[in-house]
Protein backbone atom coordinates (compact mmCIF):
# COMPACT_ATOMS: atom_id res chain seq x y z
CA MET A 1 91.27 49.49 88.51
CA ASP A 2 91.02 49.61 92.33
CA SER A 3 94.67 48.60 92.78
CA ASN A 4 95.70 51.11 90.11
CA VAL A 5 93.79 53.86 91.93
CA LEU A 6 95.52 53.02 95.21
CA ILE A 7 98.96 53.00 93.57
CA ALA A 8 98.18 56.27 91.80
CA PHE A 9 97.12 57.86 95.07
CA LEU A 10 100.29 56.69 96.85
CA PHE A 11 102.54 57.98 94.05
CA THR A 12 100.76 61.34 94.07
CA ALA A 13 100.95 61.64 97.87
CA LEU A 14 104.68 60.83 97.93
CA ALA A 15 105.33 63.36 95.17
CA GLY A 16 103.33 66.06 96.91
CA LEU A 17 104.75 65.56 100.40
CA SER A 18 108.30 65.97 99.12
CA THR A 19 107.74 69.71 99.73
CA GLY A 20 108.64 68.79 103.31
CA ILE A 21 112.13 67.82 102.14
CA GLY A 22 112.62 71.27 100.65
CA SER A 23 111.30 72.89 103.80
CA ALA A 24 113.73 70.87 105.93
CA ILE A 25 116.60 71.89 103.66
CA ALA A 26 115.60 75.54 104.10
CA PHE A 27 115.87 75.27 107.89
CA PHE A 28 118.81 72.92 108.40
CA ALA A 29 121.20 73.51 105.48
CA ASN A 30 123.78 76.28 105.63
CA ARG A 31 123.83 76.96 101.93
CA THR A 32 121.71 76.17 98.88
CA ASN A 33 123.28 73.57 96.60
CA THR A 34 122.46 75.42 93.40
CA LYS A 35 124.22 72.88 91.20
CA PHE A 36 122.13 70.05 92.61
CA LEU A 37 118.88 72.01 92.29
CA ALA A 38 119.65 73.22 88.75
CA GLY A 39 120.54 69.73 87.57
CA SER A 40 117.58 68.15 89.37
CA LEU A 41 115.08 70.64 87.97
CA GLY A 42 116.50 70.11 84.49
CA PHE A 43 116.25 66.34 84.98
CA SER A 44 112.61 66.66 86.03
CA ALA A 45 111.84 68.82 83.01
CA GLY A 46 113.48 66.29 80.68
CA VAL A 47 111.51 63.40 82.14
CA MET A 48 108.20 65.26 81.96
CA ILE A 49 108.70 66.62 78.44
CA TYR A 50 109.80 63.26 77.03
CA VAL A 51 106.98 61.32 78.69
CA SER A 52 104.42 63.91 77.65
CA PHE A 53 105.24 63.77 73.95
CA VAL A 54 106.41 60.18 73.50
CA GLU A 55 104.04 58.35 75.84
CA LEU A 56 101.03 60.37 76.98
CA LEU A 57 100.24 62.48 73.91
CA ALA A 58 101.05 59.67 71.50
CA GLY A 59 98.90 57.23 73.49
CA ALA A 60 96.06 59.73 73.79
CA ASN A 61 96.23 60.38 70.05
CA ALA A 62 95.97 56.65 69.28
CA ASP A 63 93.09 56.20 71.75
CA LEU A 64 91.18 59.13 70.29
CA ILE A 65 91.62 57.87 66.73
CA ASP A 66 90.18 54.51 67.81
CA SER A 67 87.31 55.97 69.84
CA LEU A 68 86.32 58.62 67.30
CA GLY A 69 86.78 56.33 64.32
CA SER A 70 88.73 58.83 62.24
CA GLU A 71 92.42 59.66 62.11
CA ALA A 72 91.74 63.32 61.38
CA SER A 73 89.23 63.63 64.23
CA GLY A 74 91.59 61.87 66.65
CA ASN A 75 94.52 64.07 65.70
CA TRP A 76 92.49 67.26 66.04
CA ALA A 77 90.97 66.19 69.36
CA ALA A 78 94.39 65.29 70.81
CA ALA A 79 95.91 68.58 69.69
CA PHE A 80 92.98 70.56 71.08
CA ALA A 81 93.13 68.78 74.47
CA PHE A 82 96.92 69.22 74.63
CA PHE A 83 96.72 72.99 74.21
CA ALA A 84 93.63 73.17 76.42
CA GLY A 85 95.73 71.61 79.19
CA MET A 86 98.40 74.24 78.61
CA ALA A 87 95.79 77.01 78.69
CA PHE A 88 94.31 75.61 81.92
CA ILE A 89 97.58 75.67 83.85
CA ALA A 90 98.52 79.03 82.28
CA VAL A 91 95.30 80.60 83.59
CA ILE A 92 95.95 79.20 87.07
CA ASP A 93 99.52 80.52 86.94
CA LYS A 94 98.25 83.93 85.84
CA LEU A 95 95.78 84.09 88.72
CA VAL A 96 98.49 83.39 91.31
CA PRO A 97 99.88 86.70 92.64
CA GLU A 98 103.59 86.97 91.94
CA VAL A 99 104.38 87.60 95.62
CA GLU A 100 102.51 84.45 96.66
CA ASN A 101 103.67 82.23 93.80
CA PRO A 102 105.14 79.08 95.37
CA HIS A 103 107.32 78.54 92.30
CA GLU A 104 109.25 81.77 92.79
CA VAL A 105 112.88 80.83 93.40
CA LYS A 106 114.02 81.19 96.99
CA THR A 107 117.21 79.92 98.61
CA VAL A 108 118.46 78.96 102.05
CA GLU A 109 120.45 82.20 101.97
CA ASP A 110 117.15 84.10 101.83
CA MET A 111 116.13 82.35 105.03
CA ASN A 112 119.38 83.20 106.79
CA ASP A 113 119.27 86.72 105.31
CA ALA A 114 123.03 86.93 105.60
CA THR A 115 123.98 86.38 101.98
CA ALA A 116 120.61 87.09 100.40
CA ASP A 117 120.26 89.16 97.29
CA PRO A 118 120.16 92.88 98.25
CA THR A 119 116.79 93.37 96.55
CA VAL A 120 115.27 90.42 98.41
CA ARG A 121 116.81 91.62 101.69
CA LYS A 122 115.39 95.10 101.18
CA GLU A 123 111.90 93.75 100.40
CA MET A 124 111.94 91.45 103.42
CA ALA A 125 113.18 94.22 105.71
CA SER A 126 110.45 96.52 104.44
CA PHE A 127 107.83 93.86 105.10
CA ARG A 128 109.11 93.22 108.63
CA ASP A 129 109.05 96.96 109.34
CA ARG A 130 105.39 97.08 108.30
CA VAL A 131 104.61 94.10 110.53
CA ARG A 132 106.35 95.73 113.51
CA GLY A 133 104.37 98.90 112.90
CA GLU A 134 101.14 96.95 112.84
CA THR A 135 101.87 95.25 116.16
CA ARG A 136 101.45 98.64 117.83
CA VAL A 137 97.89 98.95 116.51
CA ARG A 138 95.45 97.19 118.80
CA THR A 139 91.70 97.03 118.96
CA GLY A 140 89.28 95.56 121.44
CA GLY A 141 89.35 92.33 119.40
CA GLY A 142 93.10 91.74 119.85
CA ASN A 143 96.28 92.16 117.83
CA THR A 144 95.59 93.46 114.31
CA ALA A 145 98.92 92.11 113.01
CA SER A 146 98.17 88.61 114.30
CA ARG A 147 94.83 88.55 112.53
CA ARG A 148 96.37 89.86 109.30
CA LEU A 149 99.19 87.34 109.43
CA MET A 150 96.68 84.56 110.00
CA ARG A 151 94.76 85.70 106.91
CA THR A 152 98.06 85.79 105.01
CA GLY A 153 98.65 82.18 106.00
CA TYR A 154 95.22 81.11 104.80
CA VAL A 155 95.61 82.98 101.51
CA THR A 156 99.04 81.45 100.94
CA ALA A 157 97.70 77.96 101.65
CA LEU A 158 94.82 78.53 99.21
CA VAL A 159 97.16 79.80 96.49
CA ILE A 160 99.44 76.79 96.87
CA ALA A 161 96.45 74.44 96.80
CA ILE A 162 95.16 75.92 93.54
CA HIS A 163 98.61 75.85 91.97
CA ASN A 164 99.32 72.21 92.89
CA PHE A 165 95.95 70.71 91.93
CA PRO A 166 96.84 70.16 88.25
CA GLU A 167 100.16 68.55 89.18
CA GLY A 168 98.37 66.04 91.38
CA LEU A 169 95.86 65.27 88.65
CA ALA A 170 98.66 64.82 86.11
CA THR A 171 100.53 62.35 88.32
CA PHE A 172 97.36 60.48 89.23
CA MET A 173 95.93 60.09 85.74
CA SER A 174 99.31 59.11 84.29
CA THR A 175 99.64 56.34 86.88
CA ILE A 176 96.10 55.11 86.16
CA GLU A 177 97.10 54.79 82.50
CA ASP A 178 100.50 53.16 83.15
CA ALA A 179 101.98 52.64 86.62
CA SER A 180 105.58 52.60 85.38
CA VAL A 181 105.12 55.90 83.56
CA GLY A 182 103.27 57.32 86.56
CA PHE A 183 106.16 56.37 88.84
CA SER A 184 108.62 58.27 86.65
CA ILE A 185 106.35 61.32 86.65
CA ALA A 186 105.92 61.08 90.42
CA ILE A 187 109.70 61.14 90.87
CA ALA A 188 109.98 64.15 88.55
CA ILE A 189 107.23 66.00 90.43
CA ALA A 190 108.84 65.08 93.76
CA ILE A 191 112.18 66.55 92.67
CA HIS A 192 110.33 69.61 91.40
CA ASN A 193 108.60 70.00 94.80
CA ILE A 194 111.84 70.10 96.80
CA PRO A 195 112.79 73.67 95.77
CA GLU A 196 109.09 74.50 95.92
CA GLY A 197 109.18 73.55 99.60
CA ILE A 198 112.01 76.04 100.10
CA ALA A 199 110.07 78.68 98.18
CA VAL A 200 106.99 78.17 100.36
CA SER A 201 108.88 78.15 103.66
CA VAL A 202 110.83 81.35 103.15
CA PRO A 203 107.97 83.85 102.66
CA ILE A 204 105.81 82.25 105.36
CA TYR A 205 108.72 82.41 107.80
CA TYR A 206 109.21 86.10 107.08
CA ALA A 207 105.48 86.71 107.42
CA THR A 208 105.16 84.95 110.79
CA GLY A 209 108.68 84.68 112.23
CA ASP A 210 107.79 81.09 113.15
CA LYS A 211 109.95 78.36 111.61
CA LYS A 212 107.68 75.59 112.88
CA LYS A 213 104.64 77.17 111.26
CA ALA A 214 106.54 77.74 108.01
CA PHE A 215 107.62 74.08 107.95
CA THR A 216 104.08 72.91 108.71
CA PHE A 217 102.52 75.04 105.96
CA SER A 218 105.17 73.93 103.48
CA PHE A 219 104.74 70.24 104.33
CA LEU A 220 100.96 70.38 104.29
CA SER A 221 100.92 72.29 101.00
CA GLY A 222 101.98 69.02 99.40
CA LEU A 223 98.70 67.44 100.47
CA THR A 224 96.92 69.50 97.85
CA GLU A 225 98.41 67.29 95.13
CA PRO A 226 96.78 64.01 96.25
CA LEU A 227 93.67 66.03 97.08
CA GLY A 228 93.61 67.41 93.55
CA ALA A 229 94.06 63.89 92.21
CA ILE A 230 91.18 62.49 94.23
CA VAL A 231 88.82 65.39 93.44
CA GLY A 232 89.64 65.16 89.74
CA TYR A 233 89.17 61.42 89.70
CA MET A 234 85.89 61.53 91.63
CA VAL A 235 84.52 64.10 89.20
CA LEU A 236 85.70 62.30 86.08
CA ARG A 237 85.19 58.62 86.93
CA ASN A 238 81.41 58.66 86.47
CA PHE A 239 81.81 60.13 83.01
CA MET A 240 84.95 58.29 81.93
CA THR A 241 84.81 56.92 78.40
CA PRO A 242 87.66 56.02 76.03
CA THR A 243 87.23 59.40 74.36
CA LEU A 244 87.27 61.36 77.62
CA GLN A 245 90.27 59.37 78.85
CA GLY A 246 92.19 60.23 75.70
CA LEU A 247 91.30 63.91 76.07
CA VAL A 248 92.35 63.94 79.74
CA LEU A 249 95.70 62.29 79.00
CA ALA A 250 96.40 64.75 76.17
CA ALA A 251 95.51 67.62 78.52
CA VAL A 252 97.80 66.15 81.21
CA ALA A 253 100.61 66.10 78.65
CA GLY A 254 99.97 69.79 77.95
CA ILE A 255 99.98 70.59 81.68
CA MET A 256 103.31 68.86 82.21
CA VAL A 257 104.98 70.45 79.18
CA PHE A 258 103.83 73.88 80.34
CA ILE A 259 105.12 73.26 83.89
CA SER A 260 108.47 72.18 82.44
CA LEU A 261 108.84 75.19 80.15
CA ASP A 262 107.33 77.81 82.46
CA GLU A 263 108.61 76.67 85.86
CA LEU A 264 111.26 73.95 85.88
CA LEU A 265 113.73 75.11 83.24
CA PRO A 266 113.45 78.86 84.10
CA SER A 267 113.88 78.01 87.80
CA ALA A 268 116.97 75.95 87.00
CA GLU A 269 118.33 78.89 85.01
CA ARG A 270 117.69 81.30 87.90
CA TYR A 271 119.78 79.11 90.16
CA GLY A 272 122.63 80.20 87.92
CA GLU A 273 123.65 76.88 86.38
CA HIS A 274 122.63 77.07 82.70
CA HIS A 275 124.58 74.11 81.34
CA LEU A 276 123.75 71.86 84.28
CA SER A 277 120.06 72.48 83.77
CA ILE A 278 120.33 71.55 80.07
CA TYR A 279 122.52 68.50 80.79
CA GLY A 280 120.02 67.48 83.44
CA ALA A 281 117.14 67.79 80.95
CA VAL A 282 118.95 65.69 78.34
CA PHE A 283 119.86 63.09 80.97
CA GLY A 284 116.26 62.98 82.16
CA MET A 285 115.06 62.36 78.61
CA ALA A 286 117.68 59.63 78.11
CA VAL A 287 116.76 57.88 81.36
CA MET A 288 113.07 58.02 80.44
CA ALA A 289 113.72 56.74 76.91
CA ILE A 290 115.77 53.78 78.18
CA SER A 291 113.15 53.01 80.83
CA LEU A 292 110.32 52.96 78.29
CA LEU A 293 112.34 50.82 75.87
CA LEU A 294 113.21 48.29 78.58
CA LEU A 295 109.57 48.09 79.69
CA ALA A 296 108.24 47.73 76.14
């Protein structure tokens, strides 16, 4: 179990810190490769959906039938936990303000502001005008705008942390159950976090005007995933029973399916490459199916 925990933590950390890759792309690339992002997000969704239904939910269902001693009880418990996981991540998503949502699609063009969407450019310009106006307001305690921007940074970091906790727990618990499955999920989450890194960097850059700070916040936001994994594990390990493990895995399946349907596929669509996102999803499912068959 100790070696599994270490491997699970490493997989979760690598998946979370891939936000730094997206942040680097935002600062150093000239254009957003929308085809790559659409296909990659679709691939991630395919992997997560297939693993959730074929491996995690099916395994949780079997475990719950064994632990509860009744097929009907096991089936009902698995279904309840699956939709409870969906409800959990849906509530978190609902609590995240739309403006602060790290899964809102942003592009490198938004950062450069040269070819950004007119609506985005207008919103950003309006925000910068408000910031410039605030810099003229000073009190004995210092620059009001600086203090407000600092609070904005803290709020953004908190929002990202809350939003990424369930993803970290999903990767971690999946790896504890099966390292090979956990590795596949970690790769899917890592791909998913690359455009998230872009999405985090862009608004923070416009709030502070500091690329270094935006990169730092984006990179460190990924730490909330292994943190979420560790917190979840520390809370659950003292109470872990076969029944609870089955419920957690079913809930993790629900979390990942919801992320795929609510974030990954819609994000891929918004990058403007409908067919690539679908082909990516099918390819992701096929790769996952072959991997599971070869490992069986």
